[in-house]
Amino acid sequence: MQKIPKTTAVLMVLLAVSVDVLGFLIGLLHFIPVLGNIIAAVVIWIMSLIAVFVFYIWLKMKNVSFVSAKRVLSFFGSFFGEMIPVIDAFPLWTTGIALTIGSVWMEEALEQITGMKVSINAMASGGVKNKAGADAGTQRLGEPSLERAGIDEKTVRSADAVQSKIPPTA
């Protein structure tokens, strides 16, 4: 079962687009000297606080982890970007939510393919876990597990040795 089903993803993106469009329209108040700038800044700030709260709670209800630095940057970067007057005209919420959903879906696809829970920012170790939650060692994203390939870990001397023993996949 997906953490974020397609219907939920569509609703999240539609809400993000709505927040971005509303933010853009409110940003037009910047063309009114002094008072327009103050009103636009305050309203966009409040709207961004509400948006970050709603999206954070919504994603946490879907068991989405924010441990990944990339996910934190894509999600909370939208919030901080909206605080900058000219930058807030760009669709930062839509981009941040789309990147967050994409990273969750990528982790789920990798878990389904490899049979291991994979963190999107995993490299050499520490981010790749098997289904029991144990560290999978030096396995990198996209590499098949040594056990699946029938290779004893003690016989592995280098990346070339591993590559030569793994049968090609179709």
N, C-alpha and C. Protein backbone atom coordinates (compact mmCIF):
# COMPACT_ATOMS: atom_id res chain seq x y z
N MET A 1 0.84 -1.18 0.00
CA MET A 1 0.00 0.00 0.00
C MET A 1 0.89 1.25 0.00
N GLN A 2 0.55 2.20 -0.84
CA GLN A 2 1.33 3.42 -0.93
C GLN A 2 1.08 4.33 0.26
N LYS A 3 2.13 5.03 0.68
CA LYS A 3 1.97 6.03 1.74
C LYS A 3 1.11 7.18 1.23
N ILE A 4 1.37 7.60 0.00
CA ILE A 4 0.61 8.70 -0.60
C ILE A 4 -0.05 8.17 -1.87
N PRO A 5 -1.34 7.80 -1.79
CA PRO A 5 -2.04 7.33 -3.00
C PRO A 5 -2.15 8.45 -4.03
N LYS A 6 -2.42 8.07 -5.26
CA LYS A 6 -2.47 9.05 -6.35
C LYS A 6 -3.54 10.12 -6.11
N THR A 7 -4.70 9.73 -5.58
CA THR A 7 -5.75 10.73 -5.34
C THR A 7 -5.31 11.75 -4.29
N THR A 8 -4.64 11.26 -3.24
CA THR A 8 -4.13 12.17 -2.21
C THR A 8 -3.06 13.08 -2.80
N ALA A 9 -2.19 12.52 -3.64
CA ALA A 9 -1.14 13.31 -4.28
C ALA A 9 -1.74 14.41 -5.14
N VAL A 10 -2.79 14.08 -5.89
CA VAL A 10 -3.44 15.08 -6.73
C VAL A 10 -4.04 16.18 -5.86
N LEU A 11 -4.69 15.80 -4.76
CA LEU A 11 -5.27 16.80 -3.85
C LEU A 11 -4.19 17.69 -3.24
N MET A 12 -3.06 17.09 -2.86
CA MET A 12 -1.96 17.87 -2.29
C MET A 12 -1.41 18.86 -3.30
N VAL A 13 -1.21 18.40 -4.53
CA VAL A 13 -0.67 19.28 -5.57
C VAL A 13 -1.68 20.38 -5.91
N LEU A 14 -2.97 20.03 -5.97
CA LEU A 14 -3.99 21.06 -6.23
C LEU A 14 -4.02 22.11 -5.13
N LEU A 15 -3.89 21.68 -3.88
CA LEU A 15 -3.84 22.64 -2.78
C LEU A 15 -2.58 23.51 -2.89
N ALA A 16 -1.47 22.90 -3.24
CA ALA A 16 -0.22 23.65 -3.39
C ALA A 16 -0.33 24.66 -4.53
N VAL A 17 -0.94 24.25 -5.64
CA VAL A 17 -1.14 25.18 -6.76
C VAL A 17 -2.04 26.33 -6.32
N SER A 18 -3.09 26.01 -5.56
CA SER A 18 -3.99 27.06 -5.06
C SER A 18 -3.25 28.06 -4.17
N VAL A 19 -2.41 27.53 -3.29
CA VAL A 19 -1.63 28.41 -2.41
C VAL A 19 -0.69 29.28 -3.23
N ASP A 20 -0.05 28.71 -4.25
CA ASP A 20 0.86 29.48 -5.10
C ASP A 20 0.13 30.55 -5.90
N VAL A 21 -1.03 30.21 -6.46
CA VAL A 21 -1.79 31.20 -7.24
C VAL A 21 -2.27 32.32 -6.33
N LEU A 22 -2.79 31.96 -5.17
CA LEU A 22 -3.24 32.97 -4.21
C LEU A 22 -2.07 33.85 -3.76
N GLY A 23 -0.93 33.23 -3.52
CA GLY A 23 0.27 33.98 -3.15
C GLY A 23 0.72 34.93 -4.25
N PHE A 24 0.62 34.47 -5.50
CA PHE A 24 0.98 35.33 -6.63
C PHE A 24 0.04 36.54 -6.70
N LEU A 25 -1.26 36.28 -6.55
CA LEU A 25 -2.23 37.38 -6.61
C LEU A 25 -2.04 38.37 -5.46
N ILE A 26 -1.77 37.84 -4.27
CA ILE A 26 -1.51 38.72 -3.13
C ILE A 26 -0.20 39.47 -3.35
N GLY A 27 0.76 38.83 -3.99
CA GLY A 27 2.04 39.46 -4.29
C GLY A 27 1.92 40.68 -5.19
N LEU A 28 0.82 40.75 -5.94
CA LEU A 28 0.61 41.93 -6.78
C LEU A 28 0.42 43.19 -5.95
N LEU A 29 0.09 43.01 -4.67
CA LEU A 29 -0.04 44.16 -3.77
C LEU A 29 1.30 44.88 -3.57
N HIS A 30 2.39 44.20 -3.90
CA HIS A 30 3.71 44.83 -3.77
C HIS A 30 3.84 46.06 -4.67
N PHE A 31 2.97 46.16 -5.69
CA PHE A 31 3.03 47.31 -6.58
C PHE A 31 2.42 48.57 -5.94
N ILE A 32 1.71 48.38 -4.83
CA ILE A 32 1.19 49.53 -4.09
C ILE A 32 2.26 49.92 -3.08
N PRO A 33 2.78 51.13 -3.18
CA PRO A 33 3.88 51.52 -2.28
C PRO A 33 3.50 51.43 -0.79
N VAL A 34 4.43 51.11 0.02
CA VAL A 34 4.41 51.02 1.48
C VAL A 34 3.29 50.13 2.00
N LEU A 35 2.05 50.58 1.99
CA LEU A 35 0.95 49.82 2.57
C LEU A 35 0.76 48.48 1.86
N GLY A 36 0.83 48.48 0.53
CA GLY A 36 0.69 47.24 -0.24
C GLY A 36 1.79 46.24 0.09
N ASN A 37 3.02 46.74 0.25
CA ASN A 37 4.14 45.86 0.62
C ASN A 37 3.93 45.24 1.99
N ILE A 38 3.47 46.04 2.93
CA ILE A 38 3.25 45.54 4.29
C ILE A 38 2.14 44.51 4.30
N ILE A 39 1.02 44.82 3.67
CA ILE A 39 -0.12 43.89 3.64
C ILE A 39 0.28 42.59 2.95
N ALA A 40 0.93 42.69 1.79
CA ALA A 40 1.34 41.50 1.05
C ALA A 40 2.29 40.63 1.87
N ALA A 41 3.26 41.26 2.50
CA ALA A 41 4.23 40.50 3.30
C ALA A 41 3.56 39.77 4.45
N VAL A 42 2.67 40.45 5.16
CA VAL A 42 2.01 39.85 6.32
C VAL A 42 1.07 38.73 5.88
N VAL A 43 0.27 38.96 4.85
CA VAL A 43 -0.69 37.95 4.39
C VAL A 43 0.05 36.72 3.85
N ILE A 44 1.10 36.94 3.06
CA ILE A 44 1.85 35.80 2.52
C ILE A 44 2.55 35.03 3.64
N TRP A 45 3.04 35.74 4.64
CA TRP A 45 3.69 35.09 5.77
C TRP A 45 2.68 34.21 6.52
N ILE A 46 1.51 34.73 6.80
CA ILE A 46 0.47 33.96 7.50
C ILE A 46 0.01 32.78 6.65
N MET A 47 -0.19 33.03 5.35
CA MET A 47 -0.62 31.96 4.46
C MET A 47 0.44 30.85 4.38
N SER A 48 1.70 31.21 4.37
CA SER A 48 2.78 30.21 4.32
C SER A 48 2.85 29.41 5.61
N LEU A 49 2.63 30.07 6.74
CA LEU A 49 2.60 29.34 8.02
C LEU A 49 1.47 28.32 8.04
N ILE A 50 0.31 28.72 7.56
CA ILE A 50 -0.82 27.80 7.51
C ILE A 50 -0.52 26.65 6.55
N ALA A 51 0.05 26.97 5.38
CA ALA A 51 0.37 25.94 4.39
C ALA A 51 1.39 24.94 4.92
N VAL A 52 2.46 25.43 5.56
CA VAL A 52 3.47 24.51 6.08
C VAL A 52 2.86 23.62 7.18
N PHE A 53 2.00 24.18 7.99
CA PHE A 53 1.34 23.40 9.04
C PHE A 53 0.43 22.33 8.43
N VAL A 54 -0.40 22.72 7.47
CA VAL A 54 -1.34 21.78 6.85
C VAL A 54 -0.59 20.66 6.12
N PHE A 55 0.39 21.02 5.30
CA PHE A 55 1.11 20.00 4.55
C PHE A 55 1.93 19.10 5.48
N TYR A 56 2.56 19.67 6.50
CA TYR A 56 3.34 18.85 7.43
C TYR A 56 2.45 17.84 8.14
N ILE A 57 1.32 18.30 8.68
CA ILE A 57 0.41 17.38 9.37
C ILE A 57 -0.13 16.33 8.40
N TRP A 58 -0.49 16.75 7.20
CA TRP A 58 -1.02 15.84 6.19
C TRP A 58 0.01 14.76 5.85
N LEU A 59 1.26 15.16 5.63
CA LEU A 59 2.30 14.19 5.30
C LEU A 59 2.64 13.30 6.49
N LYS A 60 2.63 13.85 7.70
CA LYS A 60 2.89 13.03 8.88
C LYS A 60 1.78 12.01 9.09
N MET A 61 0.53 12.39 8.77
CA MET A 61 -0.59 11.44 8.87
C MET A 61 -0.41 10.29 7.87
N LYS A 62 0.32 10.54 6.80
CA LYS A 62 0.61 9.51 5.80
C LYS A 62 1.93 8.79 6.10
N ASN A 63 2.48 9.01 7.30
CA ASN A 63 3.73 8.37 7.75
C ASN A 63 4.94 8.72 6.87
N VAL A 64 4.99 9.95 6.40
CA VAL A 64 6.13 10.41 5.62
C VAL A 64 7.18 10.95 6.58
N SER A 65 8.39 10.43 6.47
CA SER A 65 9.49 10.85 7.34
C SER A 65 10.19 12.06 6.76
N PHE A 66 10.63 12.96 7.64
CA PHE A 66 11.38 14.14 7.22
C PHE A 66 12.83 14.03 7.65
N VAL A 67 13.35 12.80 7.80
CA VAL A 67 14.72 12.59 8.21
C VAL A 67 15.69 12.94 7.07
N SER A 68 15.28 12.71 5.85
CA SER A 68 16.13 12.98 4.69
C SER A 68 16.37 14.48 4.53
N ALA A 69 17.62 14.86 4.37
CA ALA A 69 17.96 16.28 4.18
C ALA A 69 17.33 16.82 2.91
N LYS A 70 17.27 16.00 1.87
CA LYS A 70 16.68 16.44 0.61
C LYS A 70 15.19 16.71 0.77
N ARG A 71 14.52 15.86 1.54
CA ARG A 71 13.09 16.05 1.74
C ARG A 71 12.82 17.29 2.59
N VAL A 72 13.62 17.49 3.61
CA VAL A 72 13.47 18.68 4.46
C VAL A 72 13.70 19.93 3.62
N LEU A 73 14.73 19.91 2.79
CA LEU A 73 15.05 21.07 1.96
C LEU A 73 13.94 21.35 0.95
N SER A 74 13.41 20.31 0.31
CA SER A 74 12.37 20.54 -0.69
C SER A 74 11.07 21.00 -0.05
N PHE A 75 10.77 20.50 1.15
CA PHE A 75 9.52 20.87 1.80
C PHE A 75 9.62 22.22 2.50
N PHE A 76 10.58 22.35 3.42
CA PHE A 76 10.69 23.59 4.18
C PHE A 76 11.34 24.72 3.37
N GLY A 77 12.05 24.37 2.30
CA GLY A 77 12.60 25.38 1.41
C GLY A 77 11.50 26.20 0.77
N SER A 78 10.37 25.55 0.51
CA SER A 78 9.21 26.27 -0.05
C SER A 78 8.74 27.34 0.92
N PHE A 79 8.70 26.98 2.19
CA PHE A 79 8.24 27.92 3.22
C PHE A 79 9.17 29.13 3.29
N PHE A 80 10.47 28.89 3.36
CA PHE A 80 11.41 30.00 3.48
C PHE A 80 11.50 30.81 2.18
N GLY A 81 11.33 30.15 1.04
CA GLY A 81 11.33 30.87 -0.23
C GLY A 81 10.15 31.82 -0.35
N GLU A 82 9.04 31.43 0.23
CA GLU A 82 7.85 32.30 0.18
C GLU A 82 8.03 33.57 1.01
N MET A 83 9.01 33.61 1.88
CA MET A 83 9.26 34.79 2.70
C MET A 83 10.02 35.88 1.95
N ILE A 84 10.59 35.54 0.79
CA ILE A 84 11.37 36.49 0.00
C ILE A 84 10.45 37.14 -1.02
N PRO A 85 10.29 38.47 -0.99
CA PRO A 85 9.29 39.16 -1.81
C PRO A 85 9.23 38.81 -3.29
N VAL A 86 10.29 38.77 -4.02
CA VAL A 86 10.21 38.49 -5.46
C VAL A 86 10.13 36.99 -5.72
N ILE A 87 10.81 36.22 -4.91
CA ILE A 87 10.83 34.77 -5.08
C ILE A 87 9.46 34.16 -4.81
N ASP A 88 8.64 34.79 -3.96
CA ASP A 88 7.34 34.23 -3.62
C ASP A 88 6.38 34.18 -4.81
N ALA A 89 6.73 34.81 -5.93
CA ALA A 89 5.88 34.75 -7.12
C ALA A 89 6.03 33.41 -7.85
N PHE A 90 7.11 32.68 -7.57
CA PHE A 90 7.33 31.39 -8.20
C PHE A 90 6.51 30.30 -7.50
N PRO A 91 6.18 29.22 -8.20
CA PRO A 91 5.36 28.15 -7.61
C PRO A 91 6.17 27.24 -6.67
N LEU A 92 6.62 27.80 -5.56
CA LEU A 92 7.49 27.05 -4.65
C LEU A 92 6.74 25.95 -3.91
N TRP A 93 5.51 26.21 -3.49
CA TRP A 93 4.75 25.16 -2.79
C TRP A 93 4.48 23.98 -3.71
N THR A 94 4.10 24.27 -4.94
CA THR A 94 3.82 23.20 -5.90
C THR A 94 5.09 22.37 -6.13
N THR A 95 6.21 23.05 -6.31
CA THR A 95 7.47 22.35 -6.54
C THR A 95 7.87 21.53 -5.32
N GLY A 96 7.79 22.12 -4.14
CA GLY A 96 8.17 21.42 -2.91
C GLY A 96 7.32 20.19 -2.64
N ILE A 97 6.01 20.32 -2.81
CA ILE A 97 5.12 19.18 -2.58
C ILE A 97 5.34 18.11 -3.64
N ALA A 98 5.49 18.51 -4.89
CA ALA A 98 5.74 17.53 -5.96
C ALA A 98 7.05 16.77 -5.72
N LEU A 99 8.10 17.47 -5.28
CA LEU A 99 9.37 16.80 -4.98
C LEU A 99 9.23 15.86 -3.79
N THR A 100 8.49 16.28 -2.79
CA THR A 100 8.28 15.43 -1.60
C THR A 100 7.51 14.17 -1.98
N ILE A 101 6.44 14.32 -2.72
CA ILE A 101 5.65 13.16 -3.16
C ILE A 101 6.51 12.26 -4.04
N GLY A 102 7.26 12.85 -4.96
CA GLY A 102 8.13 12.05 -5.83
C GLY A 102 9.17 11.26 -5.07
N SER A 103 9.75 11.86 -4.03
CA SER A 103 10.76 11.13 -3.26
C SER A 103 10.13 9.98 -2.47
N VAL A 104 8.91 10.19 -1.97
CA VAL A 104 8.21 9.11 -1.26
C VAL A 104 7.91 7.97 -2.22
N TRP A 105 7.41 8.30 -3.40
CA TRP A 105 7.10 7.27 -4.39
C TRP A 105 8.36 6.54 -4.86
N MET A 106 9.49 7.27 -4.98
CA MET A 106 10.73 6.63 -5.39
C MET A 106 11.21 5.65 -4.33
N GLU A 107 11.13 6.05 -3.06
CA GLU A 107 11.51 5.13 -1.98
C GLU A 107 10.65 3.88 -2.00
N GLU A 108 9.36 4.04 -2.22
CA GLU A 108 8.45 2.89 -2.25
C GLU A 108 8.77 1.98 -3.44
N ALA A 109 9.08 2.56 -4.59
CA ALA A 109 9.42 1.76 -5.77
C ALA A 109 10.71 0.99 -5.54
N LEU A 110 11.70 1.65 -4.94
CA LEU A 110 12.97 0.97 -4.65
C LEU A 110 12.78 -0.14 -3.62
N GLU A 111 11.92 0.11 -2.65
CA GLU A 111 11.64 -0.93 -1.65
C GLU A 111 10.96 -2.13 -2.29
N GLN A 112 10.06 -1.87 -3.22
CA GLN A 112 9.36 -2.96 -3.89
C GLN A 112 10.32 -3.76 -4.78
N ILE A 113 11.25 -3.07 -5.44
CA ILE A 113 12.20 -3.74 -6.33
C ILE A 113 13.25 -4.53 -5.54
N THR A 114 13.82 -3.90 -4.52
CA THR A 114 14.93 -4.53 -3.80
C THR A 114 14.49 -5.35 -2.60
N GLY A 115 13.27 -5.11 -2.12
CA GLY A 115 12.82 -5.80 -0.92
C GLY A 115 13.39 -5.19 0.35
N MET A 116 13.99 -4.01 0.23
CA MET A 116 14.58 -3.34 1.38
C MET A 116 14.01 -1.95 1.51
N LYS A 117 13.93 -1.47 2.75
CA LYS A 117 13.49 -0.10 2.99
C LYS A 117 14.67 0.80 2.67
N VAL A 118 14.48 1.72 1.71
CA VAL A 118 15.57 2.55 1.23
C VAL A 118 15.24 4.02 1.47
N SER A 119 16.19 4.73 2.08
CA SER A 119 16.06 6.17 2.25
C SER A 119 16.57 6.84 0.99
N ILE A 120 15.90 7.88 0.53
CA ILE A 120 16.23 8.51 -0.73
C ILE A 120 17.63 9.11 -0.75
N ASN A 121 18.20 9.43 0.42
CA ASN A 121 19.53 10.02 0.44
C ASN A 121 20.58 8.99 0.88
N ALA A 122 20.27 7.71 0.78
CA ALA A 122 21.20 6.67 1.19
C ALA A 122 22.36 6.58 0.21
N MET A 123 23.54 6.42 0.74
CA MET A 123 24.69 6.19 -0.12
C MET A 123 25.39 4.90 0.32
N ALA A 124 26.52 5.01 0.96
CA ALA A 124 27.29 3.81 1.30
C ALA A 124 26.63 2.97 2.38
N SER A 125 26.19 3.58 3.46
CA SER A 125 25.53 2.82 4.51
C SER A 125 24.73 3.76 5.38
N GLY A 126 23.95 3.18 6.26
CA GLY A 126 23.19 3.98 7.20
C GLY A 126 21.80 4.33 6.71
N GLY A 127 21.54 4.34 5.41
CA GLY A 127 20.23 4.69 4.91
C GLY A 127 19.49 3.51 4.32
N VAL A 128 20.21 2.41 4.07
CA VAL A 128 19.60 1.24 3.47
C VAL A 128 19.31 0.24 4.57
N LYS A 129 18.06 -0.11 4.71
CA LYS A 129 17.64 -1.06 5.74
C LYS A 129 16.89 -2.20 5.07
N ASN A 130 17.07 -3.42 5.61
CA ASN A 130 16.26 -4.51 5.11
C ASN A 130 14.90 -4.46 5.79
N LYS A 131 13.99 -5.38 5.44
CA LYS A 131 12.63 -5.32 5.97
C LYS A 131 12.59 -5.47 7.48
N ALA A 132 13.59 -6.14 8.06
CA ALA A 132 13.63 -6.31 9.51
C ALA A 132 14.17 -5.07 10.21
N GLY A 133 14.63 -4.10 9.44
CA GLY A 133 15.14 -2.86 10.01
C GLY A 133 16.64 -2.87 10.26
N ALA A 134 17.32 -3.95 9.88
CA ALA A 134 18.76 -4.03 10.09
C ALA A 134 19.50 -3.30 8.98
N ASP A 135 20.68 -2.78 9.30
CA ASP A 135 21.49 -2.07 8.32
C ASP A 135 21.96 -3.07 7.25
N ALA A 136 21.84 -2.68 5.99
CA ALA A 136 22.22 -3.56 4.90
C ALA A 136 23.68 -3.37 4.49
N GLY A 137 24.42 -2.60 5.24
CA GLY A 137 25.86 -2.48 4.98
C GLY A 137 26.20 -1.54 3.86
N THR A 138 26.99 -2.01 2.90
CA THR A 138 27.53 -1.12 1.88
C THR A 138 26.73 -1.14 0.59
N GLN A 139 25.53 -1.65 0.62
CA GLN A 139 24.72 -1.67 -0.59
C GLN A 139 24.32 -0.26 -0.98
N ARG A 140 24.41 0.06 -2.26
CA ARG A 140 24.05 1.38 -2.76
C ARG A 140 22.73 1.29 -3.51
N LEU A 141 22.11 2.44 -3.71
CA LEU A 141 20.85 2.49 -4.45
C LEU A 141 21.05 1.91 -5.83
N GLY A 142 20.10 1.09 -6.27
CA GLY A 142 20.15 0.54 -7.61
C GLY A 142 20.92 -0.75 -7.73
N GLU A 143 21.70 -1.14 -6.71
CA GLU A 143 22.44 -2.39 -6.77
C GLU A 143 21.59 -3.51 -6.20
N PRO A 144 21.58 -4.69 -6.83
CA PRO A 144 20.85 -5.81 -6.27
C PRO A 144 21.54 -6.30 -4.99
N SER A 145 20.78 -6.88 -4.10
CA SER A 145 21.39 -7.36 -2.86
C SER A 145 22.30 -8.55 -3.15
N LEU A 146 23.34 -8.71 -2.36
CA LEU A 146 24.28 -9.80 -2.56
C LEU A 146 23.60 -11.15 -2.32
N GLU A 147 22.70 -11.21 -1.35
CA GLU A 147 22.01 -12.46 -1.05
C GLU A 147 21.17 -12.90 -2.24
N ARG A 148 20.48 -11.97 -2.89
CA ARG A 148 19.65 -12.30 -4.05
C ARG A 148 20.49 -12.84 -5.19
N ALA A 149 21.70 -12.34 -5.33
CA ALA A 149 22.58 -12.77 -6.42
C ALA A 149 23.31 -14.07 -6.08
N GLY A 150 23.14 -14.57 -4.88
CA GLY A 150 23.79 -15.81 -4.47
C GLY A 150 25.27 -15.65 -4.18
N ILE A 151 25.68 -14.50 -3.73
CA ILE A 151 27.10 -14.24 -3.45
C ILE A 151 27.29 -14.15 -1.95
N ASP A 152 28.27 -14.90 -1.46
CA ASP A 152 28.62 -14.83 -0.05
C ASP A 152 29.41 -13.55 0.16
N GLU A 153 29.05 -12.79 1.17
CA GLU A 153 29.66 -11.47 1.39
C GLU A 153 31.16 -11.58 1.66
N LYS A 154 31.62 -12.70 2.20
CA LYS A 154 33.04 -12.87 2.50
C LYS A 154 33.88 -12.95 1.23
N THR A 155 33.27 -13.40 0.14
CA THR A 155 34.05 -13.55 -1.09
C THR A 155 34.15 -12.27 -1.89
N VAL A 156 33.44 -11.27 -1.47
CA VAL A 156 33.46 -10.01 -2.21
C VAL A 156 34.74 -9.25 -1.85
N ARG A 157 35.57 -9.00 -2.83
CA ARG A 157 36.83 -8.28 -2.60
C ARG A 157 36.78 -6.86 -3.15
N SER A 158 36.02 -6.67 -4.21
CA SER A 158 35.95 -5.34 -4.81
C SER A 158 34.64 -5.21 -5.58
N ALA A 159 34.36 -4.03 -6.02
CA ALA A 159 33.14 -3.82 -6.80
C ALA A 159 33.18 -4.59 -8.11
N ASP A 160 34.36 -4.79 -8.67
CA ASP A 160 34.48 -5.56 -9.90
C ASP A 160 34.11 -7.02 -9.68
N ALA A 161 34.49 -7.58 -8.53
CA ALA A 161 34.16 -8.97 -8.24
C ALA A 161 32.65 -9.14 -8.13
N VAL A 162 31.99 -8.18 -7.48
CA VAL A 162 30.54 -8.25 -7.36
C VAL A 162 29.89 -8.15 -8.72
N GLN A 163 30.34 -7.21 -9.53
CA GLN A 163 29.73 -6.99 -10.82
C GLN A 163 29.88 -8.19 -11.74
N SER A 164 31.01 -8.90 -11.66
CA SER A 164 31.24 -10.03 -12.54
C SER A 164 30.39 -11.25 -12.17
N LYS A 165 29.93 -11.34 -10.92
CA LYS A 165 29.15 -12.50 -10.48
C LYS A 165 27.65 -12.29 -10.54
N ILE A 166 27.21 -11.09 -10.73
CA ILE A 166 25.77 -10.81 -10.78
C ILE A 166 25.31 -11.02 -12.21
N PRO A 167 24.32 -11.90 -12.39
CA PRO A 167 23.84 -12.15 -13.77
C PRO A 167 23.13 -10.90 -14.29
N PRO A 168 23.24 -10.65 -15.61
CA PRO A 168 22.57 -9.49 -16.19
C PRO A 168 21.04 -9.64 -16.08
N THR A 169 20.38 -8.52 -15.87
CA THR A 169 18.91 -8.55 -15.79
C THR A 169 18.32 -8.04 -17.08
N ALA A 170 17.14 -8.49 -17.38
CA ALA A 170 16.49 -8.09 -18.64
C ALA A 170 15.86 -6.74 -18.53
